[in-house]
Amino acid sequence: MVPERDYRSEMKGSPGWPVHWACERFELTLGVLRENLKELLTFVGEPLIKPLFAFPDHEGRMLKKRSDSEVIRRLHNFVAAAMTLVDHSRTFSKVHLNQENSLRYKDLRSIMKSDPEVQFVQLLRNYLLHAAVPQICDHVNWRESINKIGLIPSSLLAWGRWTNPVRKLLKQLSEGKEYFYISDFAASYGNKAENISYQLLNMIISQYRDDLEYLYNVHREFLRVHTSKGYVFDPLITKYFTLANGELVIYPLFDKDRPSTPDRRHRPAD
């Protein structure tokens, strides 16, 4: 009698198993940044229903104070998630990239780290932790009932630990106006962080493609055999990381909205 194939042991003992789960965990870290960014942008861009804080009375001042507190909380969560992604990216790349890809990723990181806007977001975490709470400015458009929330650069400039490029950026932002919108720099940083993160994932999937394909082929057979027997079971893997024409594609195994559609998360920059 032929012994039943031990799919679980075969998958867990394969070289692709630790790589797959490292990619899963890294994507979760990126998801934390994405959700905190979404929460921040939603709050700072919400239309006004009752802009009471625009009136200099007690109720208006209390509403303004609560609003500022919520802005700071969401801003703190965003910059904390941004730095968590930086730290996790460093470990992820160090463990899984070969020498050639490590050099490529190092070049990408150098370009990103030299960006004053990126430096500002990353140093803003230290500012919030160790210096002060930034002054919040509300720009109210009564005609459109829109409130855009910004930071006052003149108050930030008093801190002595900005890099020279960030200090220059803050001075430029403060020329001719008293504030700059949170949504502008936060959304821009989010796009840059997501782009470099998926380029890193792309490198790792490409490097370990054969190992991952073997793991996923065993998993597909595992699903086929157990489904045909009518078993209710733990599928072990719920998404596949692969490449299509050099582009990172993530296939969700269980997705009611897109049961068989690949999630094309990253297209390489031109």
C-alpha atoms as a PDB file:
ATOM      1  CA  MET A   1       0.000   0.000   0.000  1.00  0.00           C
ATOM      2  CA  VAL A   2       1.405   3.358  -1.059  1.00  0.00           C
ATOM      3  CA  PRO A   3       1.631   5.738   1.928  1.00  0.00           C
ATOM      4  CA  GLU A   4      -0.399   8.933   1.646  1.00  0.00           C
ATOM      5  CA  ARG A   5       1.671  11.917   0.603  1.00  0.00           C
ATOM      6  CA  ASP A   6       2.489  14.226   3.513  1.00  0.00           C
ATOM      7  CA  TYR A   7       1.803  17.563   1.840  1.00  0.00           C
ATOM      8  CA  ARG A   8       2.138  19.621   5.012  1.00  0.00           C
ATOM      9  CA  SER A   9       5.620  18.354   5.845  1.00  0.00           C
ATOM     10  CA  GLU A  10       6.669  18.696   2.219  1.00  0.00           C
ATOM     11  CA  MET A  11       5.568  22.328   2.098  1.00  0.00           C
ATOM     12  CA  LYS A  12       6.956  23.307   5.483  1.00  0.00           C
ATOM     13  CA  GLY A  13      10.298  21.668   4.688  1.00  0.00           C
ATOM     14  CA  SER A  14      10.678  23.313   1.277  1.00  0.00           C
ATOM     15  CA  PRO A  15      13.109  26.245   0.692  1.00  0.00           C
ATOM     16  CA  GLY A  16      10.217  28.426  -0.469  1.00  0.00           C
ATOM     17  CA  TRP A  17       8.267  28.136   2.805  1.00  0.00           C
ATOM     18  CA  PRO A  18      10.270  30.687   4.887  1.00  0.00           C
ATOM     19  CA  VAL A  19      10.512  33.035   1.897  1.00  0.00           C
ATOM     20  CA  HIS A  20       6.755  32.971   1.346  1.00  0.00           C
ATOM     21  CA  TRP A  21       5.989  33.787   4.977  1.00  0.00           C
ATOM     22  CA  ALA A  22       8.639  36.506   5.086  1.00  0.00           C
ATOM     23  CA  CYS A  23       6.864  38.110   2.113  1.00  0.00           C
ATOM     24  CA  GLU A  24       3.505  37.719   3.870  1.00  0.00           C
ATOM     25  CA  ARG A  25       4.780  39.439   7.022  1.00  0.00           C
ATOM     26  CA  PHE A  26       6.448  42.214   5.054  1.00  0.00           C
ATOM     27  CA  GLU A  27       3.244  42.888   3.146  1.00  0.00           C
ATOM     28  CA  LEU A  28       1.415  43.099   6.476  1.00  0.00           C
ATOM     29  CA  THR A  29       3.868  45.783   7.619  1.00  0.00           C
ATOM     30  CA  LEU A  30       3.232  47.698   4.409  1.00  0.00           C
ATOM     31  CA  GLY A  31      -0.499  47.275   5.004  1.00  0.00           C
ATOM     32  CA  VAL A  32      -0.184  48.908   8.438  1.00  0.00           C
ATOM     33  CA  LEU A  33       1.375  51.983   6.813  1.00  0.00           C
ATOM     34  CA  ARG A  34      -1.294  51.998   4.122  1.00  0.00           C
ATOM     35  CA  GLU A  35      -4.163  51.843   6.635  1.00  0.00           C
ATOM     36  CA  ASN A  36      -2.691  54.538   8.888  1.00  0.00           C
ATOM     37  CA  LEU A  37      -2.131  56.769   5.868  1.00  0.00           C
ATOM     38  CA  LYS A  38      -5.719  56.216   4.744  1.00  0.00           C
ATOM     39  CA  GLU A  39      -7.027  57.059   8.217  1.00  0.00           C
ATOM     40  CA  LEU A  40      -4.925  60.235   8.362  1.00  0.00           C
ATOM     41  CA  LEU A  41      -5.885  61.435   4.879  1.00  0.00           C
ATOM     42  CA  THR A  42      -9.566  60.703   5.494  1.00  0.00           C
ATOM     43  CA  PHE A  43      -9.592  62.734   8.698  1.00  0.00           C
ATOM     44  CA  VAL A  44      -7.646  65.758   7.425  1.00  0.00           C
ATOM     45  CA  GLY A  45      -9.739  65.929   4.260  1.00  0.00           C
ATOM     46  CA  GLU A  46     -13.232  65.392   5.679  1.00  0.00           C
ATOM     47  CA  PRO A  47     -15.886  67.922   4.635  1.00  0.00           C
ATOM     48  CA  LEU A  48     -17.134  70.162   7.395  1.00  0.00           C
ATOM     49  CA  ILE A  49     -20.599  69.536   8.756  1.00  0.00           C
ATOM     50  CA  LYS A  50     -20.578  72.046  11.595  1.00  0.00           C
ATOM     51  CA  PRO A  51     -17.343  74.051  11.540  1.00  0.00           C
ATOM     52  CA  LEU A  52     -17.932  75.371  15.053  1.00  0.00           C
ATOM     53  CA  PHE A  53     -14.250  75.683  15.825  1.00  0.00           C
ATOM     54  CA  ALA A  54     -14.099  78.634  13.422  1.00  0.00           C
ATOM     55  CA  PHE A  55     -16.015  80.703  15.979  1.00  0.00           C
ATOM     56  CA  PRO A  56     -14.114  82.095  18.997  1.00  0.00           C
ATOM     57  CA  ASP A  57     -16.420  80.706  21.666  1.00  0.00           C
ATOM     58  CA  HIS A  58     -15.987  77.968  24.265  1.00  0.00           C
ATOM     59  CA  GLU A  59     -17.669  75.246  22.222  1.00  0.00           C
ATOM     60  CA  GLY A  60     -15.606  76.119  19.166  1.00  0.00           C
ATOM     61  CA  ARG A  61     -12.339  76.055  21.113  1.00  0.00           C
ATOM     62  CA  MET A  62     -13.116  72.667  22.630  1.00  0.00           C
ATOM     63  CA  LEU A  63     -14.002  71.248  19.216  1.00  0.00           C
ATOM     64  CA  LYS A  64     -10.778  72.654  17.787  1.00  0.00           C
ATOM     65  CA  LYS A  65      -8.791  71.061  20.623  1.00  0.00           C
ATOM     66  CA  ARG A  66     -10.390  67.657  20.033  1.00  0.00           C
ATOM     67  CA  SER A  67      -9.804  67.955  16.303  1.00  0.00           C
ATOM     68  CA  ASP A  68      -6.113  68.806  16.799  1.00  0.00           C
ATOM     69  CA  SER A  69      -5.710  65.865  19.166  1.00  0.00           C
ATOM     70  CA  GLU A  70      -7.129  63.482  16.565  1.00  0.00           C
ATOM     71  CA  VAL A  71      -4.842  64.925  13.885  1.00  0.00           C
ATOM     72  CA  ILE A  72      -1.773  64.399  16.077  1.00  0.00           C
ATOM     73  CA  ARG A  73      -2.834  60.861  16.975  1.00  0.00           C
ATOM     74  CA  ARG A  74      -3.257  59.891  13.340  1.00  0.00           C
ATOM     75  CA  LEU A  75      -0.084  61.712  12.308  1.00  0.00           C
ATOM     76  CA  HIS A  76       1.878  59.908  15.027  1.00  0.00           C
ATOM     77  CA  ASN A  77       0.489  56.533  13.904  1.00  0.00           C
ATOM     78  CA  PHE A  78       1.418  57.312  10.307  1.00  0.00           C
ATOM     79  CA  VAL A  79       5.046  58.305  10.958  1.00  0.00           C
ATOM     80  CA  ALA A  80       5.485  55.395  13.398  1.00  0.00           C
ATOM     81  CA  ALA A  81       4.235  52.976  10.720  1.00  0.00           C
ATOM     82  CA  ALA A  82       6.551  54.630   8.198  1.00  0.00           C
ATOM     83  CA  MET A  83       9.614  53.991  10.369  1.00  0.00           C
ATOM     84  CA  THR A  84       8.478  50.452  11.204  1.00  0.00           C
ATOM     85  CA  LEU A  85       8.399  49.738   7.470  1.00  0.00           C
ATOM     86  CA  VAL A  86      11.919  51.173   7.107  1.00  0.00           C
ATOM     87  CA  ASP A  87      13.240  48.903   9.880  1.00  0.00           C
ATOM     88  CA  HIS A  88      11.445  45.815   8.576  1.00  0.00           C
ATOM     89  CA  SER A  89      12.635  46.519   5.020  1.00  0.00           C
ATOM     90  CA  ARG A  90      16.219  46.631   6.239  1.00  0.00           C
ATOM     91  CA  THR A  91      15.926  43.240   7.965  1.00  0.00           C
ATOM     92  CA  PHE A  92      13.902  41.697   5.122  1.00  0.00           C
ATOM     93  CA  SER A  93      16.473  42.708   2.508  1.00  0.00           C
ATOM     94  CA  LYS A  94      19.467  41.703   4.629  1.00  0.00           C
ATOM     95  CA  VAL A  95      18.127  38.185   5.219  1.00  0.00           C
ATOM     96  CA  HIS A  96      16.739  37.369   1.776  1.00  0.00           C
ATOM     97  CA  LEU A  97      18.573  39.334  -0.939  1.00  0.00           C
ATOM     98  CA  ASN A  98      21.676  38.013  -2.656  1.00  0.00           C
ATOM     99  CA  GLN A  99      24.667  40.289  -3.209  1.00  0.00           C
ATOM    100  CA  GLU A 100      23.575  41.545  -6.624  1.00  0.00           C
ATOM    101  CA  ASN A 101      20.061  42.415  -5.500  1.00  0.00           C
ATOM    102  CA  SER A 102      21.390  43.889  -2.242  1.00  0.00           C
ATOM    103  CA  LEU A 103      23.417  46.396  -4.265  1.00  0.00           C
ATOM    104  CA  ARG A 104      20.403  47.222  -6.433  1.00  0.00           C
ATOM    105  CA  TYR A 105      18.208  47.745  -3.387  1.00  0.00           C
ATOM    106  CA  LYS A 106      20.911  49.808  -1.682  1.00  0.00           C
ATOM    107  CA  ASP A 107      20.879  52.173  -4.671  1.00  0.00           C
ATOM    108  CA  LEU A 108      17.085  52.487  -4.450  1.00  0.00           C
ATOM    109  CA  ARG A 109      17.297  53.228  -0.726  1.00  0.00           C
ATOM    110  CA  SER A 110      19.996  55.855  -1.285  1.00  0.00           C
ATOM    111  CA  ILE A 111      17.803  57.675  -3.793  1.00  0.00           C
ATOM    112  CA  MET A 112      14.835  57.602  -1.433  1.00  0.00           C
ATOM    113  CA  LYS A 113      16.864  58.631   1.630  1.00  0.00           C
ATOM    114  CA  SER A 114      18.193  61.691  -0.237  1.00  0.00           C
ATOM    115  CA  ASP A 115      14.642  62.964  -0.836  1.00  0.00           C
ATOM    116  CA  PRO A 116      13.963  65.902   1.570  1.00  0.00           C
ATOM    117  CA  GLU A 117      10.272  64.998   1.779  1.00  0.00           C
ATOM    118  CA  VAL A 118      11.154  61.441   2.841  1.00  0.00           C
ATOM    119  CA  GLN A 119      13.652  62.746   5.395  1.00  0.00           C
ATOM    120  CA  PHE A 120      10.999  65.076   6.786  1.00  0.00           C
ATOM    121  CA  VAL A 121       8.451  62.296   7.382  1.00  0.00           C
ATOM    122  CA  GLN A 122      11.037  60.018   8.970  1.00  0.00           C
ATOM    123  CA  LEU A 123      12.454  62.753  11.223  1.00  0.00           C
ATOM    124  CA  LEU A 124       8.949  63.928  12.102  1.00  0.00           C
ATOM    125  CA  ARG A 125       8.636  60.758  14.172  1.00  0.00           C
ATOM    126  CA  ASN A 126      11.587  61.866  16.332  1.00  0.00           C
ATOM    127  CA  TYR A 127      10.127  65.361  16.546  1.00  0.00           C
ATOM    128  CA  LEU A 128       6.810  63.991  17.834  1.00  0.00           C
ATOM    129  CA  LEU A 129       8.514  61.625  20.272  1.00  0.00           C
ATOM    130  CA  HIS A 130      11.190  63.898  21.687  1.00  0.00           C
ATOM    131  CA  ALA A 131      10.477  67.539  20.872  1.00  0.00           C
ATOM    132  CA  ALA A 132       6.891  68.778  20.757  1.00  0.00           C
ATOM    133  CA  VAL A 133       3.460  68.540  19.223  1.00  0.00           C
ATOM    134  CA  PRO A 134       3.413  70.619  16.011  1.00  0.00           C
ATOM    135  CA  GLN A 135       1.010  73.504  15.636  1.00  0.00           C
ATOM    136  CA  ILE A 136      -2.061  72.601  13.604  1.00  0.00           C
ATOM    137  CA  CYS A 137      -3.633  75.031  11.152  1.00  0.00           C
ATOM    138  CA  ASP A 138      -7.162  74.639   9.777  1.00  0.00           C
ATOM    139  CA  HIS A 139      -7.944  76.197   6.409  1.00  0.00           C
ATOM    140  CA  VAL A 140     -11.715  76.514   6.058  1.00  0.00           C
ATOM    141  CA  ASN A 141     -13.390  76.997   2.687  1.00  0.00           C
ATOM    142  CA  TRP A 142     -16.872  78.147   3.639  1.00  0.00           C
ATOM    143  CA  ARG A 143     -18.193  78.108   0.091  1.00  0.00           C
ATOM    144  CA  GLU A 144     -17.329  74.415  -0.418  1.00  0.00           C
ATOM    145  CA  SER A 145     -17.611  73.432   3.277  1.00  0.00           C
ATOM    146  CA  ILE A 146     -14.102  71.945   3.153  1.00  0.00           C
ATOM    147  CA  ASN A 147     -11.519  71.997   5.902  1.00  0.00           C
ATOM    148  CA  LYS A 148      -7.889  71.284   4.953  1.00  0.00           C
ATOM    149  CA  ILE A 149      -5.502  70.727   7.836  1.00  0.00           C
ATOM    150  CA  GLY A 150      -1.860  71.726   7.779  1.00  0.00           C
ATOM    151  CA  LEU A 151       1.272  72.208   9.844  1.00  0.00           C
ATOM    152  CA  ILE A 152       2.960  75.525  10.555  1.00  0.00           C
ATOM    153  CA  PRO A 153       6.590  75.295   9.329  1.00  0.00           C
ATOM    154  CA  SER A 154       7.824  78.244  11.384  1.00  0.00           C
ATOM    155  CA  SER A 155       7.165  76.291  14.591  1.00  0.00           C
ATOM    156  CA  LEU A 156       8.887  73.180  13.229  1.00  0.00           C
ATOM    157  CA  LEU A 157      11.998  75.131  12.248  1.00  0.00           C
ATOM    158  CA  ALA A 158      12.771  75.836  15.902  1.00  0.00           C
ATOM    159  CA  TRP A 159      13.867  72.191  16.288  1.00  0.00           C
ATOM    160  CA  GLY A 160      17.589  71.775  15.738  1.00  0.00           C
ATOM    161  CA  ARG A 161      17.704  68.177  14.491  1.00  0.00           C
ATOM    162  CA  TRP A 162      16.367  68.536  10.970  1.00  0.00           C
ATOM    163  CA  THR A 163      18.791  67.737   8.174  1.00  0.00           C
ATOM    164  CA  ASN A 164      19.852  70.663   5.985  1.00  0.00           C
ATOM    165  CA  PRO A 165      17.664  69.472   3.051  1.00  0.00           C
ATOM    166  CA  VAL A 166      14.616  69.275   5.358  1.00  0.00           C
ATOM    167  CA  ARG A 167      15.328  72.681   6.850  1.00  0.00           C
ATOM    168  CA  LYS A 168      15.573  74.115   3.341  1.00  0.00           C
ATOM    169  CA  LEU A 169      12.291  72.409   2.414  1.00  0.00           C
ATOM    170  CA  LEU A 170      10.500  73.826   5.464  1.00  0.00           C
ATOM    171  CA  LYS A 171      11.766  77.319   4.660  1.00  0.00           C
ATOM    172  CA  GLN A 172      10.500  76.988   1.094  1.00  0.00           C
ATOM    173  CA  LEU A 173       7.128  75.794   2.344  1.00  0.00           C
ATOM    174  CA  SER A 174       6.863  78.729   4.728  1.00  0.00           C
ATOM    175  CA  GLU A 175       7.533  81.356   2.053  1.00  0.00           C
ATOM    176  CA  GLY A 176       4.393  83.329   1.357  1.00  0.00           C
ATOM    177  CA  LYS A 177       2.106  81.223   3.556  1.00  0.00           C
ATOM    178  CA  GLU A 178       1.738  80.175   7.157  1.00  0.00           C
ATOM    179  CA  TYR A 179       1.138  76.448   6.675  1.00  0.00           C
ATOM    180  CA  PHE A 180       1.406  73.454   4.344  1.00  0.00           C
ATOM    181  CA  TYR A 181      -1.176  70.706   4.022  1.00  0.00           C
ATOM    182  CA  ILE A 182      -0.604  67.374   5.754  1.00  0.00           C
ATOM    183  CA  SER A 183      -2.304  65.555   2.890  1.00  0.00           C
ATOM    184  CA  ASP A 184       0.318  66.746   0.407  1.00  0.00           C
ATOM    185  CA  PHE A 185       3.437  65.309   2.038  1.00  0.00           C
ATOM    186  CA  ALA A 186       1.714  62.255   3.580  1.00  0.00           C
ATOM    187  CA  ALA A 187       0.226  61.015   0.301  1.00  0.00           C
ATOM    188  CA  SER A 188       3.479  61.625  -1.539  1.00  0.00           C
ATOM    189  CA  TYR A 189       5.484  59.685   1.056  1.00  0.00           C
ATOM    190  CA  GLY A 190       2.992  56.824   0.965  1.00  0.00           C
ATOM    191  CA  ASN A 191       3.387  56.482  -2.803  1.00  0.00           C
ATOM    192  CA  LYS A 192       7.182  56.461  -2.559  1.00  0.00           C
ATOM    193  CA  ALA A 193       7.214  53.938   0.296  1.00  0.00           C
ATOM    194  CA  GLU A 194       4.832  51.610  -1.515  1.00  0.00           C
ATOM    195  CA  ASN A 195       6.834  51.826  -4.730  1.00  0.00           C
ATOM    196  CA  ILE A 196      10.182  50.890  -3.170  1.00  0.00           C
ATOM    197  CA  SER A 197       8.553  48.198  -1.018  1.00  0.00           C
ATOM    198  CA  TYR A 198       7.076  46.432  -4.019  1.00  0.00           C
ATOM    199  CA  GLN A 199      10.358  46.734  -5.886  1.00  0.00           C
ATOM    200  CA  LEU A 200      11.969  44.939  -2.937  1.00  0.00           C
ATOM    201  CA  LEU A 201       9.293  42.233  -3.041  1.00  0.00           C
ATOM    202  CA  ASN A 202       9.789  41.986  -6.796  1.00  0.00           C
ATOM    203  CA  MET A 203      13.512  41.287  -6.313  1.00  0.00           C
ATOM    204  CA  ILE A 204      12.884  38.604  -3.717  1.00  0.00           C
ATOM    205  CA  ILE A 205      10.153  36.849  -5.714  1.00  0.00           C
ATOM    206  CA  SER A 206      12.411  36.882  -8.773  1.00  0.00           C
ATOM    207  CA  GLN A 207      15.376  35.540  -6.807  1.00  0.00           C
ATOM    208  CA  TYR A 208      13.391  32.685  -5.213  1.00  0.00           C
ATOM    209  CA  ARG A 209      10.985  32.077  -8.069  1.00  0.00           C
ATOM    210  CA  ASP A 210      11.761  28.365  -8.531  1.00  0.00           C
ATOM    211  CA  ASP A 211      11.465  27.655  -4.787  1.00  0.00           C
ATOM    212  CA  LEU A 212       8.153  29.493  -4.570  1.00  0.00           C
ATOM    213  CA  GLU A 213       6.740  27.824  -7.672  1.00  0.00           C
ATOM    214  CA  TYR A 214       7.572  24.415  -6.204  1.00  0.00           C
ATOM    215  CA  LEU A 215       5.865  25.353  -2.916  1.00  0.00           C
ATOM    216  CA  TYR A 216       2.761  26.658  -4.690  1.00  0.00           C
ATOM    217  CA  ASN A 217       2.527  23.617  -6.974  1.00  0.00           C
ATOM    218  CA  VAL A 218       2.575  21.313  -3.933  1.00  0.00           C
ATOM    219  CA  HIS A 219      -0.025  23.533  -2.267  1.00  0.00           C
ATOM    220  CA  ARG A 220      -2.309  23.424  -5.319  1.00  0.00           C
ATOM    221  CA  GLU A 221      -2.115  19.632  -5.310  1.00  0.00           C
ATOM    222  CA  PHE A 222      -2.799  19.661  -1.562  1.00  0.00           C
ATOM    223  CA  LEU A 223      -5.930  21.759  -2.173  1.00  0.00           C
ATOM    224  CA  ARG A 224      -7.086  19.561  -5.047  1.00  0.00           C
ATOM    225  CA  VAL A 225      -6.760  16.308  -3.092  1.00  0.00           C
ATOM    226  CA  HIS A 226      -8.419  17.562   0.081  1.00  0.00           C
ATOM    227  CA  THR A 227     -11.194  19.425  -1.731  1.00  0.00           C
ATOM    228  CA  SER A 228     -12.055  16.314  -3.740  1.00  0.00           C
ATOM    229  CA  LYS A 229     -12.468  14.417  -0.460  1.00  0.00           C
ATOM    230  CA  GLY A 230     -14.860  17.064   0.845  1.00  0.00           C
ATOM    231  CA  TYR A 231     -12.649  17.906   3.829  1.00  0.00           C
ATOM    232  CA  VAL A 232     -12.838  21.136   5.792  1.00  0.00           C
ATOM    233  CA  PHE A 233      -9.208  22.013   6.386  1.00  0.00           C
ATOM    234  CA  ASP A 234      -6.600  24.722   6.933  1.00  0.00           C
ATOM    235  CA  PRO A 235      -5.325  25.716   3.456  1.00  0.00           C
ATOM    236  CA  LEU A 236      -1.946  26.811   4.981  1.00  0.00           C
ATOM    237  CA  ILE A 237      -1.389  29.453   2.292  1.00  0.00           C
ATOM    238  CA  THR A 238      -3.986  32.063   1.303  1.00  0.00           C
ATOM    239  CA  LYS A 239      -2.080  34.019  -1.354  1.00  0.00           C
ATOM    240  CA  TYR A 240       0.591  33.390  -3.970  1.00  0.00           C
ATOM    241  CA  PHE A 241       3.500  35.720  -4.761  1.00  0.00           C
ATOM    242  CA  THR A 242       4.686  35.429  -8.351  1.00  0.00           C
ATOM    243  CA  LEU A 243       5.828  37.414 -11.382  1.00  0.00           C
ATOM    244  CA  ALA A 244       4.132  38.021 -14.726  1.00  0.00           C
ATOM    245  CA  ASN A 245       6.228  39.762 -17.402  1.00  0.00           C
ATOM    246  CA  GLY A 246       8.567  41.022 -14.694  1.00  0.00           C
ATOM    247  CA  GLU A 247       5.692  42.465 -12.679  1.00  0.00           C
ATOM    248  CA  LEU A 248       4.903  41.427  -9.122  1.00  0.00           C
ATOM    249  CA  VAL A 249       1.492  39.766  -8.924  1.00  0.00           C
ATOM    250  CA  ILE A 250      -0.256  38.577  -5.771  1.00  0.00           C
ATOM    251  CA  TYR A 251      -2.998  35.983  -6.222  1.00  0.00           C
ATOM    252  CA  PRO A 252      -5.478  35.857  -3.316  1.00  0.00           C
ATOM    253  CA  LEU A 253      -6.686  32.295  -2.767  1.00  0.00           C
ATOM    254  CA  PHE A 254      -9.947  33.320  -1.102  1.00  0.00           C
ATOM    255  CA  ASP A 255     -11.385  36.634  -2.284  1.00  0.00           C
ATOM    256  CA  LYS A 256     -15.144  36.997  -2.731  1.00  0.00           C
ATOM    257  CA  ASP A 257     -14.752  40.154  -4.800  1.00  0.00           C
ATOM    258  CA  ARG A 258     -12.039  38.794  -7.072  1.00  0.00           C
ATOM    259  CA  PRO A 259     -12.040  34.994  -6.902  1.00  0.00           C
ATOM    260  CA  SER A 260      -9.595  34.462  -9.748  1.00  0.00           C
ATOM    261  CA  THR A 261      -8.142  37.878 -10.548  1.00  0.00           C
ATOM    262  CA  PRO A 262      -4.478  38.591  -9.814  1.00  0.00           C
ATOM    263  CA  ASP A 263      -3.689  41.617  -7.672  1.00  0.00           C
ATOM    264  CA  ARG A 264      -1.138  43.571  -9.697  1.00  0.00           C
ATOM    265  CA  ARG A 265       0.416  45.547  -6.888  1.00  0.00           C
ATOM    266  CA  HIS A 266       3.486  47.004  -8.538  1.00  0.00           C
ATOM    267  CA  ARG A 267       4.513  47.992 -12.029  1.00  0.00           C
ATOM    268  CA  PRO A 268       8.219  48.811 -12.411  1.00  0.00           C
ATOM    269  CA  ALA A 269       8.911  52.484 -13.003  1.00  0.00           C
ATOM    270  CA  ASP A 270       9.769  53.511 -16.567  1.00  0.00           C
END
